[in-house]
Amino acid sequence: MVTLDIQEQIMDKLNALIVVLNNDGSADYVSKPAQQLLGYKSDELLGYNWWEATRFSKPEGIEVKRKILGLFKDRNVSTQTFEHLLKTSYGGKNGCVGIFLI
């Protein structure tokens, strides 16, 4: 689809960590800069892999996912911002500011 290609090109040029989640919390898109910052390939982050690959424990991934999905359900919130650490592919830490537009 041509539109998606243009959108992906624009998001990649932003040089930002961008993850697009669907309503069930599965990652549908992870920007190339996000992959580079964290050291993962796209297929290592897409789907539910996002929650396991970028968290320091499975319970942490479950908790963060639960909070974010809760934001999706709260229709009174249009924008939510918070900070958290993400695990890189090398086991290091990378700080991230999450901005969710719902």
PDB file of N, CA and C in Angstrom:
ATOM      1  N   MET A   1       0.848  -1.170   0.000  1.00  0.00           N
ATOM      2  CA  MET A   1       0.000   0.000   0.000  1.00  0.00           C
ATOM      3  C   MET A   1       0.897   1.237   0.000  1.00  0.00           C
ATOM      4  N   VAL A   2       0.666   2.142  -0.901  1.00  0.00           N
ATOM      5  CA  VAL A   2       1.507   3.322  -1.060  1.00  0.00           C
ATOM      6  C   VAL A   2       1.456   4.210   0.173  1.00  0.00           C
ATOM      7  N   THR A   3       0.273   4.425   0.744  1.00  0.00           N
ATOM      8  CA  THR A   3       0.130   5.291   1.915  1.00  0.00           C
ATOM      9  C   THR A   3       0.977   4.794   3.071  1.00  0.00           C
ATOM     10  N   LEU A   4       0.952   3.499   3.335  1.00  0.00           N
ATOM     11  CA  LEU A   4       1.735   2.934   4.430  1.00  0.00           C
ATOM     12  C   LEU A   4       3.221   3.151   4.186  1.00  0.00           C
ATOM     13  N   ASP A   5       3.665   2.997   2.951  1.00  0.00           N
ATOM     14  CA  ASP A   5       5.080   3.218   2.650  1.00  0.00           C
ATOM     15  C   ASP A   5       5.491   4.650   2.972  1.00  0.00           C
ATOM     16  N   ILE A   6       4.648   5.618   2.620  1.00  0.00           N
ATOM     17  CA  ILE A   6       4.952   7.020   2.895  1.00  0.00           C
ATOM     18  C   ILE A   6       4.950   7.268   4.397  1.00  0.00           C
ATOM     19  N   GLN A   7       3.972   6.707   5.107  1.00  0.00           N
ATOM     20  CA  GLN A   7       3.911   6.875   6.553  1.00  0.00           C
ATOM     21  C   GLN A   7       5.146   6.288   7.223  1.00  0.00           C
ATOM     22  N   GLU A   8       5.574   5.113   6.781  1.00  0.00           N
ATOM     23  CA  GLU A   8       6.762   4.486   7.359  1.00  0.00           C
ATOM     24  C   GLU A   8       7.999   5.341   7.099  1.00  0.00           C
ATOM     25  N   GLN A   9       8.120   5.885   5.897  1.00  0.00           N
ATOM     26  CA  GLN A   9       9.263   6.734   5.581  1.00  0.00           C
ATOM     27  C   GLN A   9       9.302   7.963   6.479  1.00  0.00           C
ATOM     28  N   ILE A  10       8.139   8.566   6.707  1.00  0.00           N
ATOM     29  CA  ILE A  10       8.072   9.748   7.570  1.00  0.00           C
ATOM     30  C   ILE A  10       8.455   9.379   8.995  1.00  0.00           C
ATOM     31  N   MET A  11       7.894   8.282   9.531  1.00  0.00           N
ATOM     32  CA  MET A  11       8.201   7.888  10.909  1.00  0.00           C
ATOM     33  C   MET A  11       9.671   7.548  11.072  1.00  0.00           C
ATOM     34  N   ASP A  12      10.268   6.920  10.066  1.00  0.00           N
ATOM     35  CA  ASP A  12      11.687   6.576  10.150  1.00  0.00           C
ATOM     36  C   ASP A  12      12.568   7.824  10.129  1.00  0.00           C
ATOM     37  N   LYS A  13      12.143   8.848   9.428  1.00  0.00           N
ATOM     38  CA  LYS A  13      12.911  10.098   9.364  1.00  0.00           C
ATOM     39  C   LYS A  13      12.853  10.871  10.683  1.00  0.00           C
ATOM     40  N   LEU A  14      11.838  10.615  11.494  1.00  0.00           N
ATOM     41  CA  LEU A  14      11.720  11.310  12.775  1.00  0.00           C
ATOM     42  C   LEU A  14      12.827  10.917  13.746  1.00  0.00           C
ATOM     43  N   ASN A  15      13.470   9.793  13.488  1.00  0.00           N
ATOM     44  CA  ASN A  15      14.528   9.281  14.355  1.00  0.00           C
ATOM     45  C   ASN A  15      14.048   9.162  15.803  1.00  0.00           C
ATOM     46  N   ALA A  16      12.864   8.585  15.954  1.00  0.00           N
ATOM     47  CA  ALA A  16      12.260   8.424  17.277  1.00  0.00           C
ATOM     48  C   ALA A  16      11.853   6.978  17.494  1.00  0.00           C
ATOM     49  N   LEU A  17      11.781   6.613  18.757  1.00  0.00           N
ATOM     50  CA  LEU A  17      11.336   5.281  19.119  1.00  0.00           C
ATOM     51  C   LEU A  17       9.805   5.275  19.028  1.00  0.00           C
ATOM     52  N   ILE A  18       9.284   4.704  17.952  1.00  0.00           N
ATOM     53  CA  ILE A  18       7.840   4.673  17.717  1.00  0.00           C
ATOM     54  C   ILE A  18       7.384   3.227  17.636  1.00  0.00           C
ATOM     55  N   VAL A  19       6.383   2.903  18.456  1.00  0.00           N
ATOM     56  CA  VAL A  19       5.783   1.569  18.445  1.00  0.00           C
ATOM     57  C   VAL A  19       4.280   1.765  18.302  1.00  0.00           C
ATOM     58  N   VAL A  20       3.689   1.086  17.337  1.00  0.00           N
ATOM     59  CA  VAL A  20       2.241   1.157  17.137  1.00  0.00           C
ATOM     60  C   VAL A  20       1.642  -0.142  17.656  1.00  0.00           C
ATOM     61  N   LEU A  21       0.757   0.007  18.652  1.00  0.00           N
ATOM     62  CA  LEU A  21       0.092  -1.149  19.257  1.00  0.00           C
ATOM     63  C   LEU A  21      -1.351  -1.214  18.785  1.00  0.00           C
ATOM     64  N   ASN A  22      -1.866  -2.432  18.634  1.00  0.00           N
ATOM     65  CA  ASN A  22      -3.287  -2.563  18.338  1.00  0.00           C
ATOM     66  C   ASN A  22      -4.049  -2.703  19.647  1.00  0.00           C
ATOM     67  N   ASN A  23      -5.361  -2.871  19.582  1.00  0.00           N
ATOM     68  CA  ASN A  23      -6.202  -2.883  20.781  1.00  0.00           C
ATOM     69  C   ASN A  23      -5.910  -4.023  21.756  1.00  0.00           C
ATOM     70  N   ASP A  24      -5.296  -5.097  21.283  1.00  0.00           N
ATOM     71  CA  ASP A  24      -4.987  -6.191  22.211  1.00  0.00           C
ATOM     72  C   ASP A  24      -3.538  -6.143  22.704  1.00  0.00           C
ATOM     73  N   GLY A  25      -2.824  -5.061  22.352  1.00  0.00           N
ATOM     74  CA  GLY A  25      -1.476  -4.868  22.865  1.00  0.00           C
ATOM     75  C   GLY A  25      -0.370  -5.458  22.020  1.00  0.00           C
ATOM     76  N   SER A  26      -0.709  -6.001  20.881  1.00  0.00           N
ATOM     77  CA  SER A  26       0.290  -6.564  19.986  1.00  0.00           C
ATOM     78  C   SER A  26       0.945  -5.427  19.190  1.00  0.00           C
ATOM     79  N   ALA A  27       2.262  -5.452  19.072  1.00  0.00           N
ATOM     80  CA  ALA A  27       2.984  -4.415  18.317  1.00  0.00           C
ATOM     81  C   ALA A  27       2.854  -4.688  16.824  1.00  0.00           C
ATOM     82  N   ASP A  28       2.211  -3.747  16.119  1.00  0.00           N
ATOM     83  CA  ASP A  28       2.034  -3.869  14.670  1.00  0.00           C
ATOM     84  C   ASP A  28       3.163  -3.210  13.889  1.00  0.00           C
ATOM     85  N   TYR A  29       3.833  -2.254  14.510  1.00  0.00           N
ATOM     86  CA  TYR A  29       4.893  -1.522  13.832  1.00  0.00           C
ATOM     87  C   TYR A  29       5.913  -1.057  14.860  1.00  0.00           C
ATOM     88  N   VAL A  30       7.194  -1.192  14.540  1.00  0.00           N
ATOM     89  CA  VAL A  30       8.283  -0.664  15.358  1.00  0.00           C
ATOM     90  C   VAL A  30       9.214   0.080  14.408  1.00  0.00           C
ATOM     91  N   SER A  31       9.434   1.359  14.673  1.00  0.00           N
ATOM     92  CA  SER A  31      10.245   2.181  13.768  1.00  0.00           C
ATOM     93  C   SER A  31      11.684   1.668  13.685  1.00  0.00           C
ATOM     94  N   LYS A  32      12.318   1.955  12.564  1.00  0.00           N
ATOM     95  CA  LYS A  32      13.722   1.552  12.393  1.00  0.00           C
ATOM     96  C   LYS A  32      14.618   2.199  13.452  1.00  0.00           C
ATOM     97  N   PRO A  33      14.411   3.486  13.775  1.00  0.00           N
ATOM     98  CA  PRO A  33      15.229   4.053  14.852  1.00  0.00           C
ATOM     99  C   PRO A  33      15.042   3.313  16.183  1.00  0.00           C
ATOM    100  N   ALA A  34      13.831   2.847  16.469  1.00  0.00           N
ATOM    101  CA  ALA A  34      13.593   2.080  17.699  1.00  0.00           C
ATOM    102  C   ALA A  34      14.388   0.788  17.659  1.00  0.00           C
ATOM    103  N   GLN A  35      14.380   0.129  16.524  1.00  0.00           N
ATOM    104  CA  GLN A  35      15.136  -1.114  16.382  1.00  0.00           C
ATOM    105  C   GLN A  35      16.626  -0.857  16.597  1.00  0.00           C
ATOM    106  N   GLN A  36      17.125   0.238  16.035  1.00  0.00           N
ATOM    107  CA  GLN A  36      18.539   0.564  16.160  1.00  0.00           C
ATOM    108  C   GLN A  36      18.908   0.953  17.597  1.00  0.00           C
ATOM    109  N   LEU A  37      18.058   1.770  18.237  1.00  0.00           N
ATOM    110  CA  LEU A  37      18.332   2.194  19.616  1.00  0.00           C
ATOM    111  C   LEU A  37      18.377   1.012  20.576  1.00  0.00           C
ATOM    112  N   LEU A  38      17.505   0.032  20.330  1.00  0.00           N
ATOM    113  CA  LEU A  38      17.407  -1.109  21.241  1.00  0.00           C
ATOM    114  C   LEU A  38      18.224  -2.315  20.793  1.00  0.00           C
ATOM    115  N   GLY A  39      18.675  -2.318  19.533  1.00  0.00           N
ATOM    116  CA  GLY A  39      19.514  -3.407  19.047  1.00  0.00           C
ATOM    117  C   GLY A  39      18.769  -4.655  18.624  1.00  0.00           C
ATOM    118  N   TYR A  40      17.487  -4.524  18.318  1.00  0.00           N
ATOM    119  CA  TYR A  40      16.674  -5.664  17.880  1.00  0.00           C
ATOM    120  C   TYR A  40      16.305  -5.519  16.415  1.00  0.00           C
ATOM    121  N   LYS A  41      15.994  -6.636  15.790  1.00  0.00           N
ATOM    122  CA  LYS A  41      15.427  -6.634  14.444  1.00  0.00           C
ATOM    123  C   LYS A  41      13.914  -6.560  14.580  1.00  0.00           C
ATOM    124  N   SER A  42      13.269  -6.131  13.530  1.00  0.00           N
ATOM    125  CA  SER A  42      11.815  -5.959  13.518  1.00  0.00           C
ATOM    126  C   SER A  42      11.068  -7.192  14.014  1.00  0.00           C
ATOM    127  N   ASP A  43      11.412  -8.372  13.485  1.00  0.00           N
ATOM    128  CA  ASP A  43      10.680  -9.594  13.857  1.00  0.00           C
ATOM    129  C   ASP A  43      10.880  -9.991  15.320  1.00  0.00           C
ATOM    130  N   GLU A  44      11.925  -9.446  15.957  1.00  0.00           N
ATOM    131  CA  GLU A  44      12.153  -9.731  17.375  1.00  0.00           C
ATOM    132  C   GLU A  44      11.263  -8.868  18.279  1.00  0.00           C
ATOM    133  N   LEU A  45      10.641  -7.823  17.696  1.00  0.00           N
ATOM    134  CA  LEU A  45       9.832  -6.896  18.485  1.00  0.00           C
ATOM    135  C   LEU A  45       8.346  -6.912  18.139  1.00  0.00           C
ATOM    136  N   LEU A  46       8.013  -7.367  16.945  1.00  0.00           N
ATOM    137  CA  LEU A  46       6.613  -7.328  16.520  1.00  0.00           C
ATOM    138  C   LEU A  46       5.754  -8.336  17.277  1.00  0.00           C
ATOM    139  N   GLY A  47       4.459  -8.087  17.273  1.00  0.00           N
ATOM    140  CA  GLY A  47       3.524  -8.955  17.980  1.00  0.00           C
ATOM    141  C   GLY A  47       3.692  -8.792  19.473  1.00  0.00           C
ATOM    142  N   TYR A  48       3.578  -9.880  20.188  1.00  0.00           N
ATOM    143  CA  TYR A  48       3.711  -9.825  21.646  1.00  0.00           C
ATOM    144  C   TYR A  48       5.173  -9.859  22.085  1.00  0.00           C
ATOM    145  N   ASN A  49       6.090 -10.035  21.121  1.00  0.00           N
ATOM    146  CA  ASN A  49       7.518 -10.038  21.444  1.00  0.00           C
ATOM    147  C   ASN A  49       7.952  -8.731  22.102  1.00  0.00           C
ATOM    148  N   TRP A  50       7.287  -7.628  21.752  1.00  0.00           N
ATOM    149  CA  TRP A  50       7.648  -6.319  22.312  1.00  0.00           C
ATOM    150  C   TRP A  50       7.688  -6.368  23.834  1.00  0.00           C
ATOM    151  N   TRP A  51       6.694  -7.012  24.431  1.00  0.00           N
ATOM    152  CA  TRP A  51       6.550  -7.022  25.888  1.00  0.00           C
ATOM    153  C   TRP A  51       7.593  -7.891  26.577  1.00  0.00           C
ATOM    154  N   GLU A  52       8.085  -8.908  25.893  1.00  0.00           N
ATOM    155  CA  GLU A  52       9.079  -9.781  26.502  1.00  0.00           C
ATOM    156  C   GLU A  52      10.499  -9.316  26.198  1.00  0.00           C
ATOM    157  N   ALA A  53      10.746  -8.885  24.964  1.00  0.00           N
ATOM    158  CA  ALA A  53      12.102  -8.509  24.562  1.00  0.00           C
ATOM    159  C   ALA A  53      12.586  -7.240  25.265  1.00  0.00           C
ATOM    160  N   THR A  54      11.680  -6.287  25.497  1.00  0.00           N
ATOM    161  CA  THR A  54      12.108  -4.979  26.002  1.00  0.00           C
ATOM    162  C   THR A  54      11.913  -4.798  27.506  1.00  0.00           C
ATOM    163  N   ARG A  55      11.556  -5.855  28.199  1.00  0.00           N
ATOM    164  CA  ARG A  55      11.344  -5.777  29.655  1.00  0.00           C
ATOM    165  C   ARG A  55      12.368  -6.638  30.368  1.00  0.00           C
ATOM    166  N   PHE A  56      12.618  -6.308  31.615  1.00  0.00           N
ATOM    167  CA  PHE A  56      13.640  -7.010  32.379  1.00  0.00           C
ATOM    168  C   PHE A  56      13.109  -8.278  33.048  1.00  0.00           C
ATOM    169  N   SER A  57      11.779  -8.440  33.060  1.00  0.00           N
ATOM    170  CA  SER A  57      11.172  -9.670  33.570  1.00  0.00           C
ATOM    171  C   SER A  57       9.795  -9.818  32.934  1.00  0.00           C
ATOM    172  N   LYS A  58       9.306 -11.044  32.891  1.00  0.00           N
ATOM    173  CA  LYS A  58       7.978 -11.283  32.334  1.00  0.00           C
ATOM    174  C   LYS A  58       6.887 -10.567  33.131  1.00  0.00           C
ATOM    175  N   PRO A  59       6.932 -10.614  34.481  1.00  0.00           N
ATOM    176  CA  PRO A  59       5.911  -9.883  35.254  1.00  0.00           C
ATOM    177  C   PRO A  59       5.905  -8.372  34.959  1.00  0.00           C
ATOM    178  N   GLU A  60       7.095  -7.800  34.760  1.00  0.00           N
ATOM    179  CA  GLU A  60       7.170  -6.373  34.425  1.00  0.00           C
ATOM    180  C   GLU A  60       6.480  -6.110  33.092  1.00  0.00           C
ATOM    181  N   GLY A  61       6.732  -6.953  32.090  1.00  0.00           N
ATOM    182  CA  GLY A  61       6.097  -6.805  30.785  1.00  0.00           C
ATOM    183  C   GLY A  61       4.583  -6.892  30.872  1.00  0.00           C
ATOM    184  N   ILE A  62       4.104  -7.828  31.666  1.00  0.00           N
ATOM    185  CA  ILE A  62       2.660  -8.006  31.857  1.00  0.00           C
ATOM    186  C   ILE A  62       2.057  -6.764  32.509  1.00  0.00           C
ATOM    187  N   GLU A  63       2.726  -6.228  33.517  1.00  0.00           N
ATOM    188  CA  GLU A  63       2.219  -5.052  34.240  1.00  0.00           C
ATOM    189  C   GLU A  63       2.191  -3.810  33.353  1.00  0.00           C
ATOM    190  N   VAL A  64       3.259  -3.559  32.606  1.00  0.00           N
ATOM    191  CA  VAL A  64       3.313  -2.387  31.728  1.00  0.00           C
ATOM    192  C   VAL A  64       2.257  -2.510  30.634  1.00  0.00           C
ATOM    193  N   LYS A  65       2.126  -3.693  30.066  1.00  0.00           N
ATOM    194  CA  LYS A  65       1.110  -3.910  29.029  1.00  0.00           C
ATOM    195  C   LYS A  65      -0.283  -3.658  29.593  1.00  0.00           C
ATOM    196  N   ARG A  66      -0.542  -4.136  30.805  1.00  0.00           N
ATOM    197  CA  ARG A  66      -1.845  -3.945  31.433  1.00  0.00           C
ATOM    198  C   ARG A  66      -2.150  -2.452  31.605  1.00  0.00           C
ATOM    199  N   LYS A  67      -1.160  -1.682  32.043  1.00  0.00           N
ATOM    200  CA  LYS A  67      -1.347  -0.244  32.229  1.00  0.00           C
ATOM    201  C   LYS A  67      -1.643   0.459  30.904  1.00  0.00           C
ATOM    202  N   ILE A  68      -0.894   0.104  29.883  1.00  0.00           N
ATOM    203  CA  ILE A  68      -1.083   0.751  28.589  1.00  0.00           C
ATOM    204  C   ILE A  68      -2.434   0.379  27.987  1.00  0.00           C
ATOM    205  N   LEU A  69      -2.820  -0.878  28.081  1.00  0.00           N
ATOM    206  CA  LEU A  69      -4.133  -1.282  27.566  1.00  0.00           C
ATOM    207  C   LEU A  69      -5.251  -0.602  28.354  1.00  0.00           C
ATOM    208  N   GLY A  70      -5.018  -0.343  29.639  1.00  0.00           N
ATOM    209  CA  GLY A  70      -5.987   0.399  30.441  1.00  0.00           C
ATOM    210  C   GLY A  70      -6.184   1.806  29.906  1.00  0.00           C
ATOM    211  N   LEU A  71      -5.107   2.416  29.411  1.00  0.00           N
ATOM    212  CA  LEU A  71      -5.214   3.745  28.801  1.00  0.00           C
ATOM    213  C   LEU A  71      -6.080   3.702  27.549  1.00  0.00           C
ATOM    214  N   PHE A  72      -5.942   2.629  26.779  1.00  0.00           N
ATOM    215  CA  PHE A  72      -6.747   2.489  25.563  1.00  0.00           C
ATOM    216  C   PHE A  72      -8.237   2.460  25.903  1.00  0.00           C
ATOM    217  N   LYS A  73      -8.562   1.832  27.014  1.00  0.00           N
ATOM    218  CA  LYS A  73      -9.967   1.669  27.400  1.00  0.00           C
ATOM    219  C   LYS A  73     -10.552   2.939  28.012  1.00  0.00           C
ATOM    220  N   ASP A  74      -9.698   3.789  28.585  1.00  0.00           N
ATOM    221  CA  ASP A  74     -10.161   5.019  29.220  1.00  0.00           C
ATOM    222  C   ASP A  74     -10.315   6.094  28.152  1.00  0.00           C
ATOM    223  N   ARG A  75     -11.508   6.233  27.639  1.00  0.00           N
ATOM    224  CA  ARG A  75     -11.765   7.176  26.539  1.00  0.00           C
ATOM    225  C   ARG A  75     -11.698   8.636  26.979  1.00  0.00           C
ATOM    226  N   ASN A  76     -11.597   8.908  28.277  1.00  0.00           N
ATOM    227  CA  ASN A  76     -11.482  10.278  28.762  1.00  0.00           C
ATOM    228  C   ASN A  76     -10.059  10.806  28.616  1.00  0.00           C
ATOM    229  N   VAL A  77      -9.109   9.908  28.364  1.00  0.00           N
ATOM    230  CA  VAL A  77      -7.705  10.285  28.233  1.00  0.00           C
ATOM    231  C   VAL A  77      -7.361  10.311  26.747  1.00  0.00           C
ATOM    232  N   SER A  78      -6.847  11.437  26.267  1.00  0.00           N
ATOM    233  CA  SER A  78      -6.463  11.503  24.859  1.00  0.00           C
ATOM    234  C   SER A  78      -4.953  11.403  24.681  1.00  0.00           C
ATOM    235  N   THR A  79      -4.193  11.859  25.671  1.00  0.00           N
ATOM    236  CA  THR A  79      -2.738  11.776  25.621  1.00  0.00           C
ATOM    237  C   THR A  79      -2.215  11.423  27.005  1.00  0.00           C
ATOM    238  N   GLN A  80      -1.293  10.498  27.054  1.00  0.00           N
ATOM    239  CA  GLN A  80      -0.696  10.092  28.331  1.00  0.00           C
ATOM    240  C   GLN A  80       0.811   9.981  28.130  1.00  0.00           C
ATOM    241  N   THR A  81       1.572  10.525  29.044  1.00  0.00           N
ATOM    242  CA  THR A  81       3.028  10.487  28.956  1.00  0.00           C
ATOM    243  C   THR A  81       3.605   9.849  30.215  1.00  0.00           C
ATOM    244  N   PHE A  82       4.604   8.971  30.046  1.00  0.00           N
ATOM    245  CA  PHE A  82       5.330   8.442  31.191  1.00  0.00           C
ATOM    246  C   PHE A  82       6.696   7.945  30.743  1.00  0.00           C
ATOM    247  N   GLU A  83       7.599   7.805  31.692  1.00  0.00           N
ATOM    248  CA  GLU A  83       8.956   7.344  31.419  1.00  0.00           C
ATOM    249  C   GLU A  83       9.159   5.943  31.963  1.00  0.00           C
ATOM    250  N   HIS A  84       9.940   5.152  31.241  1.00  0.00           N
ATOM    251  CA  HIS A  84      10.327   3.838  31.748  1.00  0.00           C
ATOM    252  C   HIS A  84      11.567   3.368  31.018  1.00  0.00           C
ATOM    253  N   LEU A  85      12.232   2.404  31.582  1.00  0.00           N
ATOM    254  CA  LEU A  85      13.434   1.839  30.968  1.00  0.00           C
ATOM    255  C   LEU A  85      13.065   0.659  30.083  1.00  0.00           C
ATOM    256  N   LEU A  86      13.764   0.549  28.981  1.00  0.00           N
ATOM    257  CA  LEU A  86      13.610  -0.595  28.087  1.00  0.00           C
ATOM    258  C   LEU A  86      14.917  -1.375  28.065  1.00  0.00           C
ATOM    259  N   LYS A  87      14.803  -2.679  27.948  1.00  0.00           N
ATOM    260  CA  LYS A  87      15.986  -3.539  27.881  1.00  0.00           C
ATOM    261  C   LYS A  87      16.464  -3.618  26.433  1.00  0.00           C
ATOM    262  N   THR A  88      17.744  -3.402  26.226  1.00  0.00           N
ATOM    263  CA  THR A  88      18.306  -3.532  24.891  1.00  0.00           C
ATOM    264  C   THR A  88      18.605  -5.007  24.604  1.00  0.00           C
ATOM    265  N   SER A  89      18.926  -5.303  23.380  1.00  0.00           N
ATOM    266  CA  SER A  89      19.233  -6.689  23.007  1.00  0.00           C
ATOM    267  C   SER A  89      20.497  -7.185  23.708  1.00  0.00           C
ATOM    268  N   TYR A  90      21.311  -6.262  24.205  1.00  0.00           N
ATOM    269  CA  TYR A  90      22.541  -6.620  24.891  1.00  0.00           C
ATOM    270  C   TYR A  90      22.357  -6.698  26.403  1.00  0.00           C
ATOM    271  N   GLY A  91      21.110  -6.504  26.872  1.00  0.00           N
ATOM    272  CA  GLY A  91      20.831  -6.559  28.298  1.00  0.00           C
ATOM    273  C   GLY A  91      21.006  -5.234  29.012  1.00  0.00           C
ATOM    274  N   GLY A  92      21.377  -4.182  28.263  1.00  0.00           N
ATOM    275  CA  GLY A  92      21.531  -2.860  28.856  1.00  0.00           C
ATOM    276  C   GLY A  92      20.185  -2.159  29.030  1.00  0.00           C
ATOM    277  N   LYS A  93      20.262  -0.904  29.460  1.00  0.00           N
ATOM    278  CA  LYS A  93      19.049  -0.119  29.701  1.00  0.00           C
ATOM    279  C   LYS A  93      19.028   1.089  28.790  1.00  0.00           C
ATOM    280  N   ASN A  94      17.844   1.413  28.301  1.00  0.00           N
ATOM    281  CA  ASN A  94      17.663   2.604  27.483  1.00  0.00           C
ATOM    282  C   ASN A  94      16.417   3.303  27.976  1.00  0.00           C
ATOM    283  N   GLY A  95      16.563   4.536  28.437  1.00  0.00           N
ATOM    284  CA  GLY A  95      15.421   5.302  28.925  1.00  0.00           C
ATOM    285  C   GLY A  95      14.511   5.700  27.779  1.00  0.00           C
ATOM    286  N   CYS A  96      13.231   5.708  28.048  1.00  0.00           N
ATOM    287  CA  CYS A  96      12.254   5.994  27.019  1.00  0.00           C
ATOM    288  C   CYS A  96      11.137   6.823  27.623  1.00  0.00           C
ATOM    289  N   VAL A  97      10.700   7.827  26.908  1.00  0.00           N
ATOM    290  CA  VAL A  97       9.517   8.580  27.291  1.00  0.00           C
ATOM    291  C   VAL A  97       8.387   8.093  26.409  1.00  0.00           C
ATOM    292  N   GLY A  98       7.358   7.562  27.015  1.00  0.00           N
ATOM    293  CA  GLY A  98       6.217   7.062  26.253  1.00  0.00           C
ATOM    294  C   GLY A  98       5.145   8.125  26.150  1.00  0.00           C
ATOM    295  N   ILE A  99       4.740   8.423  24.938  1.00  0.00           N
ATOM    296  CA  ILE A  99       3.635   9.339  24.712  1.00  0.00           C
ATOM    297  C   ILE A  99       2.588   8.549  23.934  1.00  0.00           C
ATOM    298  N   PHE A 100       1.434   8.410  24.527  1.00  0.00           N
ATOM    299  CA  PHE A 100       0.386   7.620  23.908  1.00  0.00           C
ATOM    300  C   PHE A 100      -0.736   8.524  23.472  1.00  0.00           C
ATOM    301  N   LEU A 101      -1.007   8.517  22.188  1.00  0.00           N
ATOM    302  CA  LEU A 101      -2.139   9.247  21.639  1.00  0.00           C
ATOM    303  C   LEU A 101      -3.234   8.230  21.392  1.00  0.00           C
ATOM    304  N   ILE A 102      -4.346   8.428  22.039  1.00  0.00           N
ATOM    305  CA  ILE A 102      -5.409   7.432  21.988  1.00  0.00           C
ATOM    306  C   ILE A 102      -6.601   7.976  21.240  1.00  0.00           C
TER     307      ILE A 102
END
